[in-house]
Amino acid sequence: MNKFAVAVLLSVIFAGPAFAASVKNDEASAQTLVVTEGSSKTELQVGAGETVEFCNSGCFVTFPNGDREALTGGETVEIKGGKVSIK
């Protein structure tokens, strides 16, 4: 599972999308998001204090608290205090 998360993270980093969404984890522990793009569903682990880009061209994201949101690819998501905010 950890190798898969690292592979997903590396592919996101090296893809270099122009209009990707980003998530910043301000929690003390890693958070896992479920990202659905088309028919592909992946788990994205975001370590404590990390910011990760994802969702190049629209996706649905299920957050650790169970909330689900549609993203277009340019949003900034912040996880802090057990809550998710999207800007």
N, C-alpha and C. Protein backbone atom coordinates (compact mmCIF):
# COMPACT_ATOMS: atom_id res chain seq x y z
N MET A 1 0.83 -1.19 0.00
CA MET A 1 0.00 0.00 0.00
C MET A 1 0.87 1.25 0.00
N ASN A 2 1.92 1.28 0.83
CA ASN A 2 2.78 2.45 0.88
C ASN A 2 3.51 2.67 -0.45
N LYS A 3 3.92 1.58 -1.11
CA LYS A 3 4.57 1.70 -2.40
C LYS A 3 3.61 2.31 -3.42
N PHE A 4 2.35 1.90 -3.36
CA PHE A 4 1.34 2.44 -4.26
C PHE A 4 1.15 3.93 -4.03
N ALA A 5 1.07 4.35 -2.77
CA ALA A 5 0.89 5.77 -2.45
C ALA A 5 2.09 6.58 -2.93
N VAL A 6 3.29 6.04 -2.77
CA VAL A 6 4.49 6.73 -3.24
C VAL A 6 4.47 6.84 -4.76
N ALA A 7 4.06 5.77 -5.44
CA ALA A 7 3.99 5.79 -6.90
C ALA A 7 2.99 6.84 -7.38
N VAL A 8 1.84 6.91 -6.72
CA VAL A 8 0.84 7.92 -7.09
C VAL A 8 1.40 9.31 -6.85
N LEU A 9 2.03 9.51 -5.71
CA LEU A 9 2.59 10.82 -5.38
C LEU A 9 3.66 11.22 -6.40
N LEU A 10 4.55 10.32 -6.75
CA LEU A 10 5.60 10.63 -7.72
C LEU A 10 5.02 10.94 -9.09
N SER A 11 4.00 10.19 -9.50
CA SER A 11 3.40 10.47 -10.80
C SER A 11 2.73 11.83 -10.82
N VAL A 12 2.14 12.23 -9.71
CA VAL A 12 1.52 13.55 -9.61
C VAL A 12 2.59 14.64 -9.67
N ILE A 13 3.68 14.44 -8.97
CA ILE A 13 4.75 15.44 -8.93
C ILE A 13 5.38 15.61 -10.30
N PHE A 14 5.69 14.52 -10.99
CA PHE A 14 6.39 14.60 -12.26
C PHE A 14 5.48 14.95 -13.42
N ALA A 15 4.18 14.85 -13.25
CA ALA A 15 3.26 15.20 -14.32
C ALA A 15 3.28 16.71 -14.57
N GLY A 16 3.46 17.50 -13.51
CA GLY A 16 3.58 18.94 -13.66
C GLY A 16 2.36 19.62 -14.27
N PRO A 17 1.18 19.32 -13.78
CA PRO A 17 -0.02 19.90 -14.39
C PRO A 17 -0.09 21.41 -14.18
N ALA A 18 -0.70 22.10 -15.15
CA ALA A 18 -0.81 23.55 -15.07
C ALA A 18 -1.97 23.97 -14.17
N PHE A 19 -3.04 23.19 -14.14
CA PHE A 19 -4.22 23.58 -13.39
C PHE A 19 -4.66 22.48 -12.45
N ALA A 20 -3.76 21.97 -11.69
CA ALA A 20 -4.08 20.91 -10.74
C ALA A 20 -4.60 21.51 -9.44
N ALA A 21 -5.45 20.77 -8.78
CA ALA A 21 -5.86 21.14 -7.43
C ALA A 21 -4.70 20.79 -6.50
N SER A 22 -4.67 21.42 -5.33
CA SER A 22 -3.65 21.06 -4.35
C SER A 22 -4.32 20.88 -3.00
N VAL A 23 -3.73 20.01 -2.19
CA VAL A 23 -4.24 19.78 -0.84
C VAL A 23 -3.10 19.99 0.13
N LYS A 24 -3.37 20.77 1.18
CA LYS A 24 -2.40 21.02 2.24
C LYS A 24 -2.92 20.38 3.51
N ASN A 25 -2.11 19.52 4.12
CA ASN A 25 -2.49 18.82 5.34
C ASN A 25 -1.84 19.51 6.53
N ASP A 26 -2.64 20.25 7.29
CA ASP A 26 -2.14 20.92 8.50
C ASP A 26 -2.41 20.11 9.76
N GLU A 27 -2.75 18.84 9.60
CA GLU A 27 -2.98 17.95 10.73
C GLU A 27 -1.64 17.39 11.22
N ALA A 28 -1.64 16.77 12.40
CA ALA A 28 -0.43 16.19 12.97
C ALA A 28 -0.13 14.80 12.42
N SER A 29 -1.08 14.21 11.68
CA SER A 29 -0.88 12.87 11.12
C SER A 29 -1.27 12.87 9.64
N ALA A 30 -0.82 11.83 8.93
CA ALA A 30 -1.14 11.69 7.51
C ALA A 30 -2.64 11.54 7.32
N GLN A 31 -3.13 12.05 6.20
CA GLN A 31 -4.55 11.96 5.85
C GLN A 31 -4.65 11.26 4.50
N THR A 32 -5.70 10.45 4.32
CA THR A 32 -5.90 9.74 3.07
C THR A 32 -7.15 10.26 2.39
N LEU A 33 -7.00 10.64 1.12
CA LEU A 33 -8.11 11.08 0.30
C LEU A 33 -8.38 10.02 -0.75
N VAL A 34 -9.64 9.82 -1.11
CA VAL A 34 -9.98 8.94 -2.21
C VAL A 34 -10.31 9.83 -3.40
N VAL A 35 -9.53 9.71 -4.47
CA VAL A 35 -9.67 10.56 -5.65
C VAL A 35 -10.22 9.71 -6.79
N THR A 36 -11.34 10.16 -7.38
CA THR A 36 -11.96 9.46 -8.50
C THR A 36 -11.91 10.36 -9.73
N GLU A 37 -11.15 9.92 -10.73
CA GLU A 37 -11.06 10.62 -12.01
C GLU A 37 -11.56 9.67 -13.08
N GLY A 38 -12.71 9.99 -13.68
CA GLY A 38 -13.32 9.09 -14.64
C GLY A 38 -13.70 7.80 -13.94
N SER A 39 -13.21 6.68 -14.43
CA SER A 39 -13.50 5.39 -13.80
C SER A 39 -12.36 4.92 -12.91
N SER A 40 -11.34 5.76 -12.74
CA SER A 40 -10.17 5.41 -11.93
C SER A 40 -10.30 5.97 -10.52
N LYS A 41 -10.17 5.11 -9.52
CA LYS A 41 -10.25 5.51 -8.12
C LYS A 41 -8.92 5.17 -7.45
N THR A 42 -8.29 6.17 -6.80
CA THR A 42 -7.02 5.95 -6.11
C THR A 42 -7.05 6.59 -4.73
N GLU A 43 -6.24 6.05 -3.84
CA GLU A 43 -6.07 6.63 -2.51
C GLU A 43 -4.81 7.48 -2.54
N LEU A 44 -4.93 8.70 -2.08
CA LEU A 44 -3.81 9.63 -2.04
C LEU A 44 -3.50 9.95 -0.59
N GLN A 45 -2.31 9.55 -0.14
CA GLN A 45 -1.90 9.85 1.23
C GLN A 45 -1.13 11.17 1.24
N VAL A 46 -1.53 12.05 2.15
CA VAL A 46 -0.88 13.34 2.31
C VAL A 46 -0.31 13.39 3.72
N GLY A 47 1.01 13.42 3.82
CA GLY A 47 1.66 13.41 5.12
C GLY A 47 1.42 14.69 5.90
N ALA A 48 1.67 14.64 7.19
CA ALA A 48 1.51 15.81 8.06
C ALA A 48 2.38 16.95 7.55
N GLY A 49 1.77 18.11 7.34
CA GLY A 49 2.50 19.28 6.88
C GLY A 49 2.79 19.32 5.39
N GLU A 50 2.39 18.31 4.64
CA GLU A 50 2.67 18.25 3.21
C GLU A 50 1.61 18.97 2.39
N THR A 51 2.02 19.42 1.21
CA THR A 51 1.11 19.93 0.19
C THR A 51 1.34 19.11 -1.07
N VAL A 52 0.26 18.59 -1.65
CA VAL A 52 0.35 17.71 -2.81
C VAL A 52 -0.60 18.22 -3.89
N GLU A 53 -0.15 18.19 -5.15
CA GLU A 53 -1.01 18.52 -6.28
C GLU A 53 -1.63 17.25 -6.84
N PHE A 54 -2.88 17.36 -7.28
CA PHE A 54 -3.60 16.22 -7.84
C PHE A 54 -4.75 16.76 -8.68
N CYS A 55 -5.52 15.90 -9.30
CA CYS A 55 -6.77 16.27 -10.00
C CYS A 55 -6.50 17.25 -11.13
N ASN A 56 -5.89 16.76 -12.20
CA ASN A 56 -5.51 17.61 -13.32
C ASN A 56 -6.68 18.18 -14.10
N SER A 57 -7.71 17.38 -14.28
CA SER A 57 -8.79 17.82 -15.17
C SER A 57 -10.17 17.47 -14.62
N GLY A 58 -10.37 17.71 -13.36
CA GLY A 58 -11.66 17.43 -12.74
C GLY A 58 -11.69 16.06 -12.08
N CYS A 59 -12.26 16.01 -10.89
CA CYS A 59 -12.35 14.75 -10.16
C CYS A 59 -13.34 14.89 -9.01
N PHE A 60 -13.66 13.76 -8.41
CA PHE A 60 -14.41 13.73 -7.16
C PHE A 60 -13.44 13.31 -6.07
N VAL A 61 -13.53 13.94 -4.91
CA VAL A 61 -12.64 13.62 -3.80
C VAL A 61 -13.48 13.30 -2.58
N THR A 62 -13.17 12.17 -1.93
CA THR A 62 -13.77 11.83 -0.64
C THR A 62 -12.71 12.10 0.42
N PHE A 63 -13.05 12.99 1.35
CA PHE A 63 -12.11 13.42 2.38
C PHE A 63 -12.19 12.50 3.60
N PRO A 64 -11.18 12.56 4.49
CA PRO A 64 -11.16 11.67 5.66
C PRO A 64 -12.41 11.76 6.54
N ASN A 65 -13.09 12.90 6.55
CA ASN A 65 -14.30 13.04 7.37
C ASN A 65 -15.55 12.51 6.66
N GLY A 66 -15.39 11.97 5.44
CA GLY A 66 -16.51 11.40 4.70
C GLY A 66 -17.15 12.34 3.70
N ASP A 67 -16.82 13.63 3.75
CA ASP A 67 -17.36 14.59 2.79
C ASP A 67 -16.85 14.27 1.39
N ARG A 68 -17.71 14.51 0.40
CA ARG A 68 -17.33 14.28 -0.99
C ARG A 68 -17.59 15.56 -1.77
N GLU A 69 -16.60 15.96 -2.57
CA GLU A 69 -16.69 17.19 -3.35
C GLU A 69 -16.21 16.96 -4.78
N ALA A 70 -16.78 17.71 -5.70
CA ALA A 70 -16.32 17.72 -7.08
C ALA A 70 -15.34 18.87 -7.24
N LEU A 71 -14.19 18.59 -7.83
CA LEU A 71 -13.17 19.61 -8.07
C LEU A 71 -12.95 19.75 -9.56
N THR A 72 -12.64 20.96 -10.01
CA THR A 72 -12.38 21.19 -11.42
C THR A 72 -10.90 21.17 -11.76
N GLY A 73 -10.04 21.30 -10.75
CA GLY A 73 -8.61 21.21 -10.97
C GLY A 73 -7.82 22.44 -10.59
N GLY A 74 -8.44 23.51 -10.16
CA GLY A 74 -7.69 24.69 -9.78
C GLY A 74 -7.82 25.06 -8.31
N GLU A 75 -8.50 24.25 -7.54
CA GLU A 75 -8.79 24.58 -6.15
C GLU A 75 -7.60 24.32 -5.23
N THR A 76 -7.64 25.01 -4.08
CA THR A 76 -6.71 24.75 -2.99
C THR A 76 -7.52 24.20 -1.83
N VAL A 77 -7.17 23.01 -1.39
CA VAL A 77 -7.88 22.33 -0.30
C VAL A 77 -6.98 22.34 0.93
N GLU A 78 -7.55 22.66 2.08
CA GLU A 78 -6.79 22.66 3.33
C GLU A 78 -7.50 21.78 4.35
N ILE A 79 -6.73 20.88 4.96
CA ILE A 79 -7.25 20.03 6.04
C ILE A 79 -6.63 20.53 7.33
N LYS A 80 -7.48 21.02 8.23
CA LYS A 80 -6.98 21.60 9.47
C LYS A 80 -8.05 21.46 10.56
N GLY A 81 -7.64 20.98 11.72
CA GLY A 81 -8.57 20.86 12.84
C GLY A 81 -9.72 19.90 12.57
N GLY A 82 -9.46 18.88 11.74
CA GLY A 82 -10.51 17.91 11.42
C GLY A 82 -11.52 18.40 10.41
N LYS A 83 -11.28 19.59 9.84
CA LYS A 83 -12.21 20.17 8.87
C LYS A 83 -11.50 20.40 7.54
N VAL A 84 -12.30 20.40 6.48
CA VAL A 84 -11.79 20.63 5.14
C VAL A 84 -12.33 21.96 4.63
N SER A 85 -11.44 22.79 4.08
CA SER A 85 -11.89 24.01 3.42
C SER A 85 -11.35 24.02 2.00
N ILE A 86 -12.19 24.51 1.07
CA ILE A 86 -11.82 24.56 -0.34
C ILE A 86 -11.88 26.01 -0.80
N LYS A 87 -10.79 26.45 -1.42
CA LYS A 87 -10.72 27.84 -1.90
C LYS A 87 -10.48 27.85 -3.39
